[in-house]
Every structure is written in C-alpha cells, then in structure tokens.
Amino acid sequence: QVQLVESGGGLVQPGGSLRLSCAASGSIISINAMGWYRQAPGKQRELVAVITSGSSTNYADSVKGRFTISRDNAKKTVYLQMNSLKPEDTAVYYCNAGVISGSHRYLEVWGQGTLVTVSS
C-alpha cells in the first residue's frame, strides 16, 4: 500500500560523505514529518534527524554540524546528506514517515533500511 524505499548506502572512508535518499510511494494524500533513524549492531535504534512538512529540522547531538536532512515534497522524498563521517556512524539507516493514506488513515511507515559502513 504505502512504502518507503531507501537508497545510497555503502562503504565510505572516515571523513567521507554519503547521501541517502528515501522515496515514498503508494496511495498517499499527504506526508507529515519524515525522519532518519539508525541502528548499529548490538545497539538500540536511535533518531538521527527529523524534518517536518514545513521543513523545520531537528538532529541528534552526535550528528549536528555534519548531517543535513532535506525533503522534496513534490517527489515525496527525504534526503540525508552525511559529511565528515566517522566509524561510529556505521549502522543500518532507516527512513520513517507519518502519512495520511488514500483511505484517510494516519500511518507511520518504515523503510527497509540501507547499510552505511564507515571504515578505512
């Protein structure tokens, strides 16, 4: 019905950059907030960044100044630009969105995850 698909993960050296994308598809009337979360092995899932429908943003302290979240409402896509990557950024990154479906139901939807590995 409604799904999110992430892309852009991969292997990058410390200090490098990656840009993640997450596109929403399906029967959607509107999308409210969208966010990125990550989960490292043996760790709890944590919020990385969130962006509202009005493009207000919030970031985890660990990524402030290095990551930038943005969205393209026409494309129903959210991005995460990751700069100055550190080994501790290694995790599976998940996209999340609050949507109003075509049947007027509010849904919280998760993507399948994309792996980011920061290593030399």
N, C-alpha and C. Protein backbone atom coordinates (compact mmCIF):
# COMPACT_ATOMS: atom_id res chain seq x y z
N GLN A 1 0.85 -1.20 0.00
CA GLN A 1 0.00 0.00 0.00
C GLN A 1 0.88 1.25 0.00
N VAL A 2 1.41 1.62 1.16
CA VAL A 2 2.34 2.73 1.28
C VAL A 2 3.69 2.16 1.69
N GLN A 3 4.72 2.55 0.98
CA GLN A 3 6.04 2.07 1.33
C GLN A 3 7.10 3.14 1.15
N LEU A 4 8.21 2.96 1.86
CA LEU A 4 9.37 3.83 1.75
C LEU A 4 10.55 2.97 1.30
N VAL A 5 11.31 3.47 0.35
CA VAL A 5 12.46 2.75 -0.16
C VAL A 5 13.70 3.62 -0.04
N GLU A 6 14.68 3.15 0.74
CA GLU A 6 15.93 3.88 0.93
C GLU A 6 16.96 3.46 -0.10
N SER A 7 17.88 4.37 -0.39
CA SER A 7 19.00 4.07 -1.26
C SER A 7 20.16 4.98 -0.90
N GLY A 8 21.35 4.63 -1.37
CA GLY A 8 22.51 5.48 -1.20
C GLY A 8 23.53 5.00 -0.18
N GLY A 9 23.23 3.93 0.52
CA GLY A 9 24.18 3.42 1.49
C GLY A 9 25.37 2.77 0.81
N GLY A 10 26.38 2.47 1.60
CA GLY A 10 27.57 1.83 1.07
C GLY A 10 28.74 1.98 2.00
N LEU A 11 29.92 1.69 1.46
CA LEU A 11 31.17 1.78 2.21
C LEU A 11 31.86 3.10 1.90
N VAL A 12 32.27 3.80 2.94
CA VAL A 12 32.95 5.07 2.78
C VAL A 12 34.06 5.17 3.83
N GLN A 13 35.13 5.88 3.49
CA GLN A 13 36.23 6.07 4.42
C GLN A 13 35.90 7.15 5.45
N PRO A 14 36.51 7.08 6.62
CA PRO A 14 36.32 8.16 7.60
C PRO A 14 36.63 9.51 6.99
N GLY A 15 35.77 10.49 7.28
CA GLY A 15 35.91 11.81 6.70
C GLY A 15 35.17 11.99 5.39
N GLY A 16 34.69 10.91 4.83
CA GLY A 16 33.99 10.97 3.57
C GLY A 16 32.53 11.34 3.72
N SER A 17 31.81 11.30 2.60
CA SER A 17 30.41 11.72 2.56
C SER A 17 29.56 10.70 1.83
N LEU A 18 28.30 10.65 2.21
CA LEU A 18 27.28 9.87 1.52
C LEU A 18 25.98 10.64 1.56
N ARG A 19 25.15 10.40 0.57
CA ARG A 19 23.82 10.99 0.55
C ARG A 19 22.78 9.87 0.44
N LEU A 20 21.93 9.77 1.43
CA LEU A 20 20.86 8.79 1.43
C LEU A 20 19.58 9.41 0.90
N SER A 21 18.80 8.60 0.21
CA SER A 21 17.51 9.03 -0.29
C SER A 21 16.44 8.06 0.17
N CYS A 22 15.23 8.56 0.35
CA CYS A 22 14.10 7.74 0.74
C CYS A 22 12.87 8.25 0.02
N ALA A 23 12.30 7.42 -0.83
CA ALA A 23 11.14 7.82 -1.63
C ALA A 23 9.89 7.09 -1.16
N ALA A 24 8.83 7.84 -0.97
CA ALA A 24 7.54 7.27 -0.59
C ALA A 24 6.71 6.98 -1.83
N SER A 25 5.97 5.89 -1.78
CA SER A 25 5.09 5.54 -2.89
C SER A 25 3.83 4.88 -2.36
N GLY A 26 2.84 4.79 -3.22
CA GLY A 26 1.56 4.21 -2.84
C GLY A 26 0.47 5.26 -2.78
N SER A 27 -0.63 4.89 -2.18
CA SER A 27 -1.77 5.78 -2.06
C SER A 27 -1.57 6.73 -0.88
N ILE A 28 -1.16 7.95 -1.19
CA ILE A 28 -0.81 8.94 -0.16
C ILE A 28 -1.50 10.25 -0.46
N ILE A 29 -2.17 10.77 0.55
CA ILE A 29 -2.76 12.10 0.43
C ILE A 29 -1.74 13.17 0.82
N SER A 30 -1.06 12.94 1.93
CA SER A 30 -0.06 13.90 2.39
C SER A 30 0.94 13.20 3.29
N ILE A 31 2.09 13.83 3.44
CA ILE A 31 3.14 13.33 4.31
C ILE A 31 3.45 14.40 5.34
N ASN A 32 3.45 14.01 6.59
CA ASN A 32 3.77 14.95 7.66
C ASN A 32 5.28 14.93 7.89
N ALA A 33 5.71 14.61 9.10
CA ALA A 33 7.14 14.58 9.37
C ALA A 33 7.79 13.36 8.73
N MET A 34 9.05 13.51 8.35
CA MET A 34 9.87 12.41 7.85
C MET A 34 11.17 12.42 8.64
N GLY A 35 11.71 11.24 8.87
CA GLY A 35 12.93 11.18 9.66
C GLY A 35 13.84 10.05 9.25
N TRP A 36 15.07 10.15 9.73
CA TRP A 36 16.06 9.10 9.57
C TRP A 36 16.44 8.57 10.94
N TYR A 37 16.50 7.27 11.05
CA TYR A 37 16.94 6.57 12.25
C TYR A 37 18.08 5.64 11.87
N ARG A 38 18.83 5.20 12.86
CA ARG A 38 19.88 4.24 12.58
C ARG A 38 20.01 3.25 13.72
N GLN A 39 20.50 2.07 13.39
CA GLN A 39 20.72 1.03 14.37
C GLN A 39 22.04 0.34 14.09
N ALA A 40 22.96 0.45 15.03
CA ALA A 40 24.24 -0.22 14.94
C ALA A 40 24.13 -1.60 15.59
N PRO A 41 25.01 -2.53 15.23
CA PRO A 41 24.96 -3.87 15.84
C PRO A 41 25.01 -3.81 17.35
N GLY A 42 24.09 -4.49 18.00
CA GLY A 42 24.05 -4.53 19.45
C GLY A 42 23.56 -3.26 20.11
N LYS A 43 23.10 -2.30 19.33
CA LYS A 43 22.65 -1.03 19.88
C LYS A 43 21.15 -0.83 19.63
N GLN A 44 20.56 0.08 20.39
CA GLN A 44 19.17 0.46 20.17
C GLN A 44 19.06 1.38 18.97
N ARG A 45 17.91 1.32 18.30
CA ARG A 45 17.66 2.24 17.22
C ARG A 45 17.57 3.66 17.76
N GLU A 46 18.17 4.61 17.08
CA GLU A 46 18.18 5.98 17.54
C GLU A 46 17.78 6.94 16.43
N LEU A 47 17.17 8.03 16.84
CA LEU A 47 16.82 9.09 15.90
C LEU A 47 18.07 9.81 15.45
N VAL A 48 18.19 10.01 14.15
CA VAL A 48 19.30 10.77 13.58
C VAL A 48 18.87 12.19 13.25
N ALA A 49 17.77 12.31 12.52
CA ALA A 49 17.28 13.62 12.11
C ALA A 49 15.82 13.52 11.73
N VAL A 50 15.09 14.61 11.89
CA VAL A 50 13.69 14.65 11.50
C VAL A 50 13.42 15.98 10.82
N ILE A 51 12.49 15.96 9.87
CA ILE A 51 12.10 17.17 9.16
C ILE A 51 10.58 17.19 9.05
N THR A 52 9.98 18.33 9.37
CA THR A 52 8.53 18.46 9.31
C THR A 52 8.09 18.79 7.89
N SER A 53 6.78 18.81 7.69
CA SER A 53 6.25 19.17 6.38
C SER A 53 6.59 20.60 6.00
N GLY A 54 6.86 21.44 6.99
CA GLY A 54 7.28 22.81 6.75
C GLY A 54 8.78 22.99 6.71
N SER A 55 9.51 21.89 6.72
CA SER A 55 10.97 21.86 6.59
C SER A 55 11.71 22.35 7.83
N SER A 56 11.06 22.33 8.98
CA SER A 56 11.77 22.53 10.23
C SER A 56 12.53 21.25 10.57
N THR A 57 13.75 21.37 11.08
CA THR A 57 14.60 20.20 11.29
C THR A 57 15.08 20.08 12.72
N ASN A 58 15.37 18.84 13.11
CA ASN A 58 16.00 18.54 14.39
C ASN A 58 16.99 17.42 14.18
N TYR A 59 18.10 17.45 14.92
CA TYR A 59 19.16 16.48 14.77
C TYR A 59 19.60 15.92 16.10
N ALA A 60 20.06 14.69 16.07
CA ALA A 60 20.74 14.14 17.22
C ALA A 60 22.04 14.90 17.46
N ASP A 61 22.41 15.06 18.72
CA ASP A 61 23.63 15.80 19.03
C ASP A 61 24.85 15.21 18.34
N SER A 62 24.87 13.90 18.17
CA SER A 62 26.03 13.23 17.61
C SER A 62 26.27 13.55 16.14
N VAL A 63 25.26 14.09 15.45
CA VAL A 63 25.40 14.37 14.02
C VAL A 63 25.26 15.84 13.68
N LYS A 64 24.97 16.67 14.66
CA LYS A 64 24.81 18.10 14.39
C LYS A 64 26.08 18.68 13.78
N GLY A 65 25.89 19.47 12.74
CA GLY A 65 27.02 20.08 12.06
C GLY A 65 27.63 19.21 10.99
N ARG A 66 27.25 17.94 10.95
CA ARG A 66 27.80 17.03 9.95
C ARG A 66 26.75 16.51 8.98
N PHE A 67 25.53 16.28 9.47
CA PHE A 67 24.45 15.74 8.65
C PHE A 67 23.42 16.82 8.36
N THR A 68 22.78 16.72 7.20
CA THR A 68 21.72 17.63 6.82
C THR A 68 20.55 16.84 6.25
N ILE A 69 19.37 17.03 6.82
CA ILE A 69 18.17 16.40 6.31
C ILE A 69 17.40 17.41 5.46
N SER A 70 16.83 16.94 4.37
CA SER A 70 16.03 17.80 3.50
C SER A 70 14.94 16.96 2.86
N ARG A 71 13.99 17.63 2.21
CA ARG A 71 12.91 16.90 1.57
C ARG A 71 12.45 17.61 0.31
N ASP A 72 11.92 16.82 -0.60
CA ASP A 72 11.32 17.31 -1.82
C ASP A 72 9.88 16.81 -1.80
N ASN A 73 8.95 17.68 -1.46
CA ASN A 73 7.57 17.26 -1.29
C ASN A 73 6.94 16.79 -2.60
N ALA A 74 7.31 17.42 -3.71
CA ALA A 74 6.77 17.01 -5.00
C ALA A 74 7.18 15.58 -5.34
N LYS A 75 8.40 15.21 -4.96
CA LYS A 75 8.90 13.86 -5.22
C LYS A 75 8.62 12.90 -4.08
N LYS A 76 8.04 13.40 -2.99
CA LYS A 76 7.76 12.57 -1.81
C LYS A 76 9.03 11.86 -1.35
N THR A 77 10.10 12.62 -1.29
CA THR A 77 11.41 12.06 -0.99
C THR A 77 12.10 12.87 0.10
N VAL A 78 12.76 12.17 1.00
CA VAL A 78 13.58 12.79 2.02
C VAL A 78 15.02 12.36 1.82
N TYR A 79 15.96 13.26 2.11
CA TYR A 79 17.38 13.00 1.91
C TYR A 79 18.13 13.18 3.22
N LEU A 80 19.25 12.52 3.31
CA LEU A 80 20.17 12.73 4.42
C LEU A 80 21.57 12.86 3.85
N GLN A 81 22.09 14.07 3.86
CA GLN A 81 23.46 14.32 3.44
C GLN A 81 24.37 14.12 4.64
N MET A 82 25.30 13.20 4.54
CA MET A 82 26.18 12.85 5.64
C MET A 82 27.61 13.22 5.26
N ASN A 83 28.18 14.16 5.99
CA ASN A 83 29.55 14.60 5.77
C ASN A 83 30.40 14.28 6.98
N SER A 84 31.71 14.32 6.79
CA SER A 84 32.66 14.07 7.87
C SER A 84 32.32 12.80 8.64
N LEU A 85 32.08 11.75 7.90
CA LEU A 85 31.63 10.50 8.51
C LEU A 85 32.69 9.89 9.41
N LYS A 86 32.22 9.29 10.49
CA LYS A 86 33.06 8.65 11.48
C LYS A 86 32.72 7.17 11.56
N PRO A 87 33.66 6.34 12.01
CA PRO A 87 33.35 4.91 12.17
C PRO A 87 32.12 4.65 13.02
N GLU A 88 31.88 5.48 14.02
CA GLU A 88 30.72 5.29 14.87
C GLU A 88 29.39 5.61 14.18
N ASP A 89 29.45 6.15 12.97
CA ASP A 89 28.24 6.35 12.17
C ASP A 89 27.80 5.07 11.47
N THR A 90 28.62 4.04 11.53
CA THR A 90 28.29 2.77 10.89
C THR A 90 27.01 2.20 11.49
N ALA A 91 26.04 1.93 10.64
CA ALA A 91 24.74 1.44 11.10
C ALA A 91 23.86 1.17 9.89
N VAL A 92 22.74 0.51 10.14
CA VAL A 92 21.68 0.44 9.16
C VAL A 92 20.80 1.67 9.37
N TYR A 93 20.60 2.43 8.32
CA TYR A 93 19.81 3.65 8.38
C TYR A 93 18.42 3.39 7.84
N TYR A 94 17.41 3.81 8.59
CA TYR A 94 16.02 3.60 8.24
C TYR A 94 15.30 4.93 8.06
N CYS A 95 14.48 4.99 7.05
CA CYS A 95 13.62 6.14 6.82
C CYS A 95 12.27 5.90 7.48
N ASN A 96 11.67 6.96 8.00
CA ASN A 96 10.37 6.90 8.64
C ASN A 96 9.53 8.09 8.19
N ALA A 97 8.23 7.86 8.04
CA ALA A 97 7.35 8.96 7.66
C ALA A 97 5.97 8.77 8.27
N GLY A 98 5.35 9.86 8.67
CA GLY A 98 3.96 9.87 9.05
C GLY A 98 3.14 10.33 7.86
N VAL A 99 2.21 9.49 7.41
CA VAL A 99 1.47 9.79 6.19
C VAL A 99 -0.03 9.69 6.42
N ILE A 100 -0.76 10.44 5.62
CA ILE A 100 -2.20 10.27 5.52
C ILE A 100 -2.43 9.46 4.25
N SER A 101 -2.94 8.26 4.39
CA SER A 101 -3.13 7.39 3.25
C SER A 101 -4.33 7.81 2.42
N GLY A 102 -4.46 7.19 1.26
CA GLY A 102 -5.58 7.48 0.38
C GLY A 102 -6.93 7.17 0.99
N SER A 103 -6.96 6.28 1.97
CA SER A 103 -8.18 5.95 2.68
C SER A 103 -8.34 6.80 3.95
N HIS A 104 -7.57 7.87 4.04
CA HIS A 104 -7.64 8.84 5.14
C HIS A 104 -7.26 8.25 6.49
N ARG A 105 -6.36 7.30 6.48
CA ARG A 105 -5.81 6.76 7.70
C ARG A 105 -4.42 7.33 7.94
N TYR A 106 -4.11 7.59 9.21
CA TYR A 106 -2.76 8.04 9.55
C TYR A 106 -1.89 6.82 9.78
N LEU A 107 -0.78 6.75 9.06
CA LEU A 107 0.13 5.62 9.13
C LEU A 107 1.54 6.09 9.42
N GLU A 108 2.24 5.34 10.25
CA GLU A 108 3.67 5.54 10.43
C GLU A 108 4.37 4.41 9.67
N VAL A 109 5.15 4.78 8.68
CA VAL A 109 5.72 3.82 7.75
C VAL A 109 7.24 3.82 7.86
N TRP A 110 7.83 2.65 7.76
CA TRP A 110 9.28 2.48 7.82
C TRP A 110 9.82 1.89 6.53
N GLY A 111 11.01 2.32 6.17
CA GLY A 111 11.70 1.73 5.04
C GLY A 111 12.42 0.45 5.45
N GLN A 112 13.02 -0.20 4.47
CA GLN A 112 13.67 -1.49 4.72
C GLN A 112 15.08 -1.36 5.29
N GLY A 113 15.64 -0.18 5.22
CA GLY A 113 16.96 0.07 5.74
C GLY A 113 18.03 0.01 4.67
N THR A 114 19.07 0.82 4.84
CA THR A 114 20.23 0.79 3.97
C THR A 114 21.49 0.86 4.84
N LEU A 115 22.45 0.01 4.53
CA LEU A 115 23.64 -0.11 5.37
C LEU A 115 24.68 0.93 5.00
N VAL A 116 25.16 1.63 6.01
CA VAL A 116 26.27 2.57 5.87
C VAL A 116 27.44 2.05 6.70
N THR A 117 28.56 1.84 6.04
CA THR A 117 29.76 1.37 6.72
C THR A 117 30.87 2.39 6.54
N VAL A 118 31.40 2.89 7.65
CA VAL A 118 32.48 3.87 7.62
C VAL A 118 33.73 3.19 8.14
N SER A 119 34.66 2.94 7.25
CA SER A 119 35.86 2.19 7.62
C SER A 119 36.97 2.47 6.63
N SER A 120 38.20 2.45 7.12
CA SER A 120 39.36 2.57 6.26
C SER A 120 39.91 1.21 5.87
